[in-house]
């Protein structure tokens, strides 16, 4: 019988962890991988999401290879990019940034790209990119002011969190809702399964809470 490889989530995002747990996947280790997320000149949103996902997984690989306990692990890296056309919106760190994002998103359809990367100990790297379209209703000045006052926008791609208060702004989602939250579950499970990770090992009757 082949020994099950540990799973490392190369992220400190509580949202990504919660999404994995939702489908019964519990990473063995959490290893936030900090990298420079500045877009390269002329880089498309799609390319950026893929590059950052691969980059985070690669940084985590370098770090865990120094640790005998974690060295033979499957690493899962991901990153989400919000864009209006080819304009990449920042992960807002100030009210000014968040306000610019909200003004751009108001009443418009935008795209959310999430790159997912599985990095194997044998050097094999598998990736997927998920594109979702999201439409905001038109925001009033009060909507914007109240949302900025909430602070929920801080550190969020595009200056909003679809799973939080900003859910009241969403008129339509075409694609993967969990991808907009931070991790596309269908594609992530598929990648892990193709890497030989038992994604349904916790699905037995005793492990699933009663409704």
C-alpha atoms as a PDB file:
ATOM      1  CA  UNK A   1       0.000   0.000   0.000  1.00  0.00           C
ATOM      2  CA  UNK A   2       1.353   3.414  -0.975  1.00  0.00           C
ATOM      3  CA  UNK A   3       1.923   5.745   1.966  1.00  0.00           C
ATOM      4  CA  UNK A   4      -0.319   8.805   1.891  1.00  0.00           C
ATOM      5  CA  UNK A   5       1.627  12.011   1.348  1.00  0.00           C
ATOM      6  CA  UNK A   6       1.005  14.913   3.755  1.00  0.00           C
ATOM      7  CA  UNK A   7      -0.766  17.972   2.385  1.00  0.00           C
ATOM      8  CA  UNK A   8       0.642  21.479   2.881  1.00  0.00           C
ATOM      9  CA  UNK A   9      -1.536  24.525   2.248  1.00  0.00           C
ATOM     10  CA  UNK A  10       0.782  27.343   1.142  1.00  0.00           C
ATOM     11  CA  UNK A  11      -1.545  30.041   2.435  1.00  0.00           C
ATOM     12  CA  UNK A  12      -2.463  31.785   5.654  1.00  0.00           C
ATOM     13  CA  UNK A  13      -5.964  32.560   4.377  1.00  0.00           C
ATOM     14  CA  UNK A  14      -8.666  31.352   6.777  1.00  0.00           C
ATOM     15  CA  UNK A  15     -11.069  31.407   3.836  1.00  0.00           C
ATOM     16  CA  UNK A  16      -9.062  28.895   1.813  1.00  0.00           C
ATOM     17  CA  UNK A  17      -8.665  26.630   4.820  1.00  0.00           C
ATOM     18  CA  UNK A  18     -12.407  26.773   5.545  1.00  0.00           C
ATOM     19  CA  UNK A  19     -13.212  25.950   1.911  1.00  0.00           C
ATOM     20  CA  UNK A  20     -10.981  22.873   1.989  1.00  0.00           C
ATOM     21  CA  UNK A  21     -12.537  21.783   5.270  1.00  0.00           C
ATOM     22  CA  UNK A  22     -15.987  22.223   3.721  1.00  0.00           C
ATOM     23  CA  UNK A  23     -15.260  19.324   1.344  1.00  0.00           C
ATOM     24  CA  UNK A  24     -13.578  17.213   4.008  1.00  0.00           C
ATOM     25  CA  UNK A  25      -9.947  18.068   3.299  1.00  0.00           C
ATOM     26  CA  UNK A  26      -7.790  18.924   6.304  1.00  0.00           C
ATOM     27  CA  UNK A  27      -4.226  20.022   5.429  1.00  0.00           C
ATOM     28  CA  UNK A  28      -1.522  18.473   7.574  1.00  0.00           C
ATOM     29  CA  UNK A  29       0.436  21.722   7.651  1.00  0.00           C
ATOM     30  CA  UNK A  30      -0.226  25.415   6.972  1.00  0.00           C
ATOM     31  CA  UNK A  31       2.702  27.303   5.482  1.00  0.00           C
ATOM     32  CA  UNK A  32       1.943  30.858   4.310  1.00  0.00           C
ATOM     33  CA  UNK A  33       4.220  31.667   1.377  1.00  0.00           C
ATOM     34  CA  UNK A  34       4.830  35.392   1.025  1.00  0.00           C
ATOM     35  CA  UNK A  35       5.934  36.522  -2.423  1.00  0.00           C
ATOM     36  CA  UNK A  36       5.963  39.792  -4.324  1.00  0.00           C
ATOM     37  CA  UNK A  37       2.522  40.023  -5.922  1.00  0.00           C
ATOM     38  CA  UNK A  38       3.280  43.049  -8.100  1.00  0.00           C
ATOM     39  CA  UNK A  39       2.182  42.410 -11.705  1.00  0.00           C
ATOM     40  CA  UNK A  40       4.910  42.354 -14.311  1.00  0.00           C
ATOM     41  CA  UNK A  41       4.537  45.128 -16.882  1.00  0.00           C
ATOM     42  CA  UNK A  42       2.039  44.034 -19.503  1.00  0.00           C
ATOM     43  CA  UNK A  43       1.057  40.907 -17.549  1.00  0.00           C
ATOM     44  CA  UNK A  44      -2.547  39.821 -17.988  1.00  0.00           C
ATOM     45  CA  UNK A  45      -4.768  39.046 -14.979  1.00  0.00           C
ATOM     46  CA  UNK A  46      -4.924  35.394 -16.064  1.00  0.00           C
ATOM     47  CA  UNK A  47      -1.150  35.104 -16.254  1.00  0.00           C
ATOM     48  CA  UNK A  48      -0.706  36.833 -12.889  1.00  0.00           C
ATOM     49  CA  UNK A  49      -3.079  34.466 -11.074  1.00  0.00           C
ATOM     50  CA  UNK A  50      -1.272  31.450 -12.502  1.00  0.00           C
ATOM     51  CA  UNK A  51       2.201  32.827 -11.782  1.00  0.00           C
ATOM     52  CA  UNK A  52       1.382  33.689  -8.179  1.00  0.00           C
ATOM     53  CA  UNK A  53      -0.189  30.299  -7.472  1.00  0.00           C
ATOM     54  CA  UNK A  54       2.871  28.529  -8.862  1.00  0.00           C
ATOM     55  CA  UNK A  55       5.183  30.942  -7.085  1.00  0.00           C
ATOM     56  CA  UNK A  56       3.600  30.402  -3.678  1.00  0.00           C
ATOM     57  CA  UNK A  57       3.779  26.641  -4.078  1.00  0.00           C
ATOM     58  CA  UNK A  58       7.417  26.879  -5.193  1.00  0.00           C
ATOM     59  CA  UNK A  59       8.403  29.041  -2.212  1.00  0.00           C
ATOM     60  CA  UNK A  60       6.662  26.618   0.148  1.00  0.00           C
ATOM     61  CA  UNK A  61       8.554  23.732  -1.516  1.00  0.00           C
ATOM     62  CA  UNK A  62      11.903  25.389  -0.797  1.00  0.00           C
ATOM     63  CA  UNK A  63      10.907  25.969   2.820  1.00  0.00           C
ATOM     64  CA  UNK A  64       9.612  22.481   3.571  1.00  0.00           C
ATOM     65  CA  UNK A  65      12.498  20.721   1.850  1.00  0.00           C
ATOM     66  CA  UNK A  66      14.551  21.875   4.850  1.00  0.00           C
ATOM     67  CA  UNK A  67      12.203  20.015   7.199  1.00  0.00           C
ATOM     68  CA  UNK A  68      12.458  16.211   7.161  1.00  0.00           C
ATOM     69  CA  UNK A  69       8.938  15.829   8.566  1.00  0.00           C
ATOM     70  CA  UNK A  70       7.374  17.844   5.728  1.00  0.00           C
ATOM     71  CA  UNK A  71       9.758  17.281   2.822  1.00  0.00           C
ATOM     72  CA  UNK A  72       7.706  14.569   1.098  1.00  0.00           C
ATOM     73  CA  UNK A  73       4.507  16.594   0.954  1.00  0.00           C
ATOM     74  CA  UNK A  74       1.996  17.650  -1.652  1.00  0.00           C
ATOM     75  CA  UNK A  75       1.845  21.456  -1.671  1.00  0.00           C
ATOM     76  CA  UNK A  76      -1.287  23.372  -2.602  1.00  0.00           C
ATOM     77  CA  UNK A  77      -0.845  27.006  -3.655  1.00  0.00           C
ATOM     78  CA  UNK A  78      -3.484  29.457  -4.838  1.00  0.00           C
ATOM     79  CA  UNK A  79      -4.018  33.106  -5.624  1.00  0.00           C
ATOM     80  CA  UNK A  80      -7.003  35.210  -6.671  1.00  0.00           C
ATOM     81  CA  UNK A  81      -6.904  38.217  -8.995  1.00  0.00           C
ATOM     82  CA  UNK A  82      -9.795  40.621  -9.636  1.00  0.00           C
ATOM     83  CA  UNK A  83      -9.824  42.563 -12.893  1.00  0.00           C
ATOM     84  CA  UNK A  84     -11.938  45.046 -14.814  1.00  0.00           C
ATOM     85  CA  UNK A  85     -10.962  44.398 -18.401  1.00  0.00           C
ATOM     86  CA  UNK A  86      -7.172  44.085 -18.299  1.00  0.00           C
ATOM     87  CA  UNK A  87      -6.903  46.373 -15.285  1.00  0.00           C
ATOM     88  CA  UNK A  88      -5.787  44.373 -12.262  1.00  0.00           C
ATOM     89  CA  UNK A  89      -7.321  45.620  -9.029  1.00  0.00           C
ATOM     90  CA  UNK A  90      -5.154  45.595  -5.887  1.00  0.00           C
ATOM     91  CA  UNK A  91      -5.603  43.743  -2.639  1.00  0.00           C
ATOM     92  CA  UNK A  92      -6.790  46.896  -0.938  1.00  0.00           C
ATOM     93  CA  UNK A  93      -4.684  48.117   1.967  1.00  0.00           C
ATOM     94  CA  UNK A  94      -6.183  51.592   2.361  1.00  0.00           C
ATOM     95  CA  UNK A  95      -9.630  53.151   2.201  1.00  0.00           C
ATOM     96  CA  UNK A  96      -8.488  55.107  -0.833  1.00  0.00           C
ATOM     97  CA  UNK A  97      -7.564  51.909  -2.695  1.00  0.00           C
ATOM     98  CA  UNK A  98     -10.782  50.201  -1.677  1.00  0.00           C
ATOM     99  CA  UNK A  99     -12.851  53.193  -2.743  1.00  0.00           C
ATOM    100  CA  UNK A 100     -11.252  53.227  -6.210  1.00  0.00           C
ATOM    101  CA  UNK A 101     -12.037  49.505  -6.541  1.00  0.00           C
ATOM    102  CA  UNK A 102     -15.670  49.935  -5.510  1.00  0.00           C
ATOM    103  CA  UNK A 103     -16.161  52.833  -7.938  1.00  0.00           C
ATOM    104  CA  UNK A 104     -14.790  50.689 -10.773  1.00  0.00           C
ATOM    105  CA  UNK A 105     -16.941  47.686  -9.832  1.00  0.00           C
ATOM    106  CA  UNK A 106     -20.197  49.575  -9.280  1.00  0.00           C
ATOM    107  CA  UNK A 107     -22.847  48.570 -11.817  1.00  0.00           C
ATOM    108  CA  UNK A 108     -20.374  46.535 -13.867  1.00  0.00           C
ATOM    109  CA  UNK A 109     -19.406  42.992 -14.664  1.00  0.00           C
ATOM    110  CA  UNK A 110     -15.841  42.076 -13.719  1.00  0.00           C
ATOM    111  CA  UNK A 111     -13.751  38.916 -13.767  1.00  0.00           C
ATOM    112  CA  UNK A 112     -12.165  36.974 -10.954  1.00  0.00           C
ATOM    113  CA  UNK A 113      -9.280  34.641 -11.792  1.00  0.00           C
ATOM    114  CA  UNK A 114      -8.075  32.045  -9.315  1.00  0.00           C
ATOM    115  CA  UNK A 115      -4.972  30.036 -10.038  1.00  0.00           C
ATOM    116  CA  UNK A 116      -4.454  26.710  -8.254  1.00  0.00           C
ATOM    117  CA  UNK A 117      -1.181  24.809  -8.178  1.00  0.00           C
ATOM    118  CA  UNK A 118      -0.267  21.387  -6.822  1.00  0.00           C
ATOM    119  CA  UNK A 119       3.474  20.900  -6.364  1.00  0.00           C
ATOM    120  CA  UNK A 120       4.612  17.293  -5.905  1.00  0.00           C
ATOM    121  CA  UNK A 121       7.777  16.113  -4.115  1.00  0.00           C
ATOM    122  CA  UNK A 122       8.966  14.437  -7.343  1.00  0.00           C
ATOM    123  CA  UNK A 123       8.996  17.807  -9.106  1.00  0.00           C
ATOM    124  CA  UNK A 124       5.708  17.407 -10.998  1.00  0.00           C
ATOM    125  CA  UNK A 125       3.635  20.607 -10.978  1.00  0.00           C
ATOM    126  CA  UNK A 126      -0.054  20.676 -11.940  1.00  0.00           C
ATOM    127  CA  UNK A 127      -2.047  23.886 -12.339  1.00  0.00           C
ATOM    128  CA  UNK A 128      -5.561  25.064 -13.138  1.00  0.00           C
ATOM    129  CA  UNK A 129      -7.017  28.503 -13.742  1.00  0.00           C
ATOM    130  CA  UNK A 130     -10.657  29.293 -13.017  1.00  0.00           C
ATOM    131  CA  UNK A 131     -12.387  32.373 -14.418  1.00  0.00           C
ATOM    132  CA  UNK A 132     -15.619  33.656 -12.877  1.00  0.00           C
ATOM    133  CA  UNK A 133     -17.666  36.680 -13.889  1.00  0.00           C
ATOM    134  CA  UNK A 134     -19.281  38.759 -11.153  1.00  0.00           C
ATOM    135  CA  UNK A 135     -21.694  41.641 -11.592  1.00  0.00           C
ATOM    136  CA  UNK A 136     -22.138  44.358  -8.967  1.00  0.00           C
ATOM    137  CA  UNK A 137     -25.345  46.319  -8.696  1.00  0.00           C
ATOM    138  CA  UNK A 138     -24.890  50.072  -8.882  1.00  0.00           C
ATOM    139  CA  UNK A 139     -23.598  51.301  -5.528  1.00  0.00           C
ATOM    140  CA  UNK A 140     -24.899  54.425  -3.854  1.00  0.00           C
ATOM    141  CA  UNK A 141     -22.595  56.779  -1.978  1.00  0.00           C
ATOM    142  CA  UNK A 142     -24.069  55.379   1.247  1.00  0.00           C
ATOM    143  CA  UNK A 143     -23.276  51.806   0.146  1.00  0.00           C
ATOM    144  CA  UNK A 144     -19.669  52.762  -0.451  1.00  0.00           C
ATOM    145  CA  UNK A 145     -19.274  54.786   2.745  1.00  0.00           C
ATOM    146  CA  UNK A 146     -20.786  52.069   4.933  1.00  0.00           C
ATOM    147  CA  UNK A 147     -18.707  49.336   3.351  1.00  0.00           C
ATOM    148  CA  UNK A 148     -15.502  51.315   3.694  1.00  0.00           C
ATOM    149  CA  UNK A 149     -16.370  51.966   7.352  1.00  0.00           C
ATOM    150  CA  UNK A 150     -16.777  48.209   7.948  1.00  0.00           C
ATOM    151  CA  UNK A 151     -13.108  47.498   7.196  1.00  0.00           C
ATOM    152  CA  UNK A 152     -14.055  44.216   5.537  1.00  0.00           C
ATOM    153  CA  UNK A 153     -12.289  45.296   2.336  1.00  0.00           C
ATOM    154  CA  UNK A 154      -8.844  45.264   3.934  1.00  0.00           C
ATOM    155  CA  UNK A 155      -6.467  42.873   2.177  1.00  0.00           C
ATOM    156  CA  UNK A 156      -9.183  41.633  -0.186  1.00  0.00           C
ATOM    157  CA  UNK A 157      -8.590  41.392  -3.931  1.00  0.00           C
ATOM    158  CA  UNK A 158     -10.683  44.062  -5.597  1.00  0.00           C
ATOM    159  CA  UNK A 159     -11.499  45.589  -2.228  1.00  0.00           C
ATOM    160  CA  UNK A 160     -14.403  43.301  -1.341  1.00  0.00           C
ATOM    161  CA  UNK A 161     -15.305  39.925   0.170  1.00  0.00           C
ATOM    162  CA  UNK A 162     -18.173  38.201  -1.643  1.00  0.00           C
ATOM    163  CA  UNK A 163     -18.802  35.900   1.328  1.00  0.00           C
ATOM    164  CA  UNK A 164     -19.276  38.841   3.685  1.00  0.00           C
ATOM    165  CA  UNK A 165     -21.153  42.115   3.713  1.00  0.00           C
ATOM    166  CA  UNK A 166     -20.402  42.720   0.041  1.00  0.00           C
ATOM    167  CA  UNK A 167     -22.678  39.810  -0.800  1.00  0.00           C
ATOM    168  CA  UNK A 168     -25.448  42.437  -0.710  1.00  0.00           C
ATOM    169  CA  UNK A 169     -23.831  44.094  -3.750  1.00  0.00           C
ATOM    170  CA  UNK A 170     -23.700  41.007  -5.978  1.00  0.00           C
ATOM    171  CA  UNK A 171     -26.302  40.895  -8.740  1.00  0.00           C
ATOM    172  CA  UNK A 172     -24.937  37.868 -10.605  1.00  0.00           C
ATOM    173  CA  UNK A 173     -22.191  35.251 -10.509  1.00  0.00           C
ATOM    174  CA  UNK A 174     -21.326  33.243 -13.615  1.00  0.00           C
ATOM    175  CA  UNK A 175     -18.896  30.486 -12.754  1.00  0.00           C
ATOM    176  CA  UNK A 176     -17.456  29.295  -9.462  1.00  0.00           C
ATOM    177  CA  UNK A 177     -18.613  31.077  -6.310  1.00  0.00           C
ATOM    178  CA  UNK A 178     -15.966  29.402  -4.072  1.00  0.00           C
ATOM    179  CA  UNK A 179     -13.309  30.535  -6.540  1.00  0.00           C
ATOM    180  CA  UNK A 180     -14.311  34.142  -5.857  1.00  0.00           C
ATOM    181  CA  UNK A 181     -14.074  33.427  -2.121  1.00  0.00           C
ATOM    182  CA  UNK A 182     -10.550  32.151  -2.711  1.00  0.00           C
ATOM    183  CA  UNK A 183     -10.435  28.531  -3.887  1.00  0.00           C
ATOM    184  CA  UNK A 184     -12.390  26.707  -6.647  1.00  0.00           C
ATOM    185  CA  UNK A 185     -13.392  23.461  -4.968  1.00  0.00           C
ATOM    186  CA  UNK A 186     -14.186  21.310  -8.011  1.00  0.00           C
ATOM    187  CA  UNK A 187     -10.892  22.091  -9.712  1.00  0.00           C
ATOM    188  CA  UNK A 188      -8.843  21.860  -6.518  1.00  0.00           C
ATOM    189  CA  UNK A 189     -10.263  18.445  -5.660  1.00  0.00           C
ATOM    190  CA  UNK A 190      -9.587  17.298  -9.225  1.00  0.00           C
ATOM    191  CA  UNK A 191      -5.960  18.434  -9.046  1.00  0.00           C
ATOM    192  CA  UNK A 192      -5.407  16.716  -5.710  1.00  0.00           C
ATOM    193  CA  UNK A 193      -7.030  13.506  -6.929  1.00  0.00           C
ATOM    194  CA  UNK A 194      -4.804  13.488 -10.001  1.00  0.00           C
ATOM    195  CA  UNK A 195      -1.838  13.835  -7.637  1.00  0.00           C
ATOM    196  CA  UNK A 196      -2.988  10.732  -5.762  1.00  0.00           C
ATOM    197  CA  UNK A 197      -4.324  12.543  -2.693  1.00  0.00           C
ATOM    198  CA  UNK A 198      -7.420  10.843  -1.155  1.00  0.00           C
ATOM    199  CA  UNK A 199      -9.811  13.801  -1.176  1.00  0.00           C
ATOM    200  CA  UNK A 200     -12.762  11.754   0.108  1.00  0.00           C
ATOM    201  CA  UNK A 201     -11.065   9.959   2.968  1.00  0.00           C
ATOM    202  CA  UNK A 202     -13.155  11.870   5.542  1.00  0.00           C
ATOM    203  CA  UNK A 203     -16.468  11.195   3.808  1.00  0.00           C
ATOM    204  CA  UNK A 204     -17.477   8.142   5.833  1.00  0.00           C
ATOM    205  CA  UNK A 205     -20.760   8.325   7.741  1.00  0.00           C
ATOM    206  CA  UNK A 206     -19.159   8.617  11.174  1.00  0.00           C
ATOM    207  CA  UNK A 207     -17.069  11.625  10.157  1.00  0.00           C
ATOM    208  CA  UNK A 208     -19.841  13.703   8.598  1.00  0.00           C
ATOM    209  CA  UNK A 209     -21.919  15.731  11.104  1.00  0.00           C
ATOM    210  CA  UNK A 210     -25.673  15.121  11.063  1.00  0.00           C
ATOM    211  CA  UNK A 211     -27.774  17.838   9.455  1.00  0.00           C
END
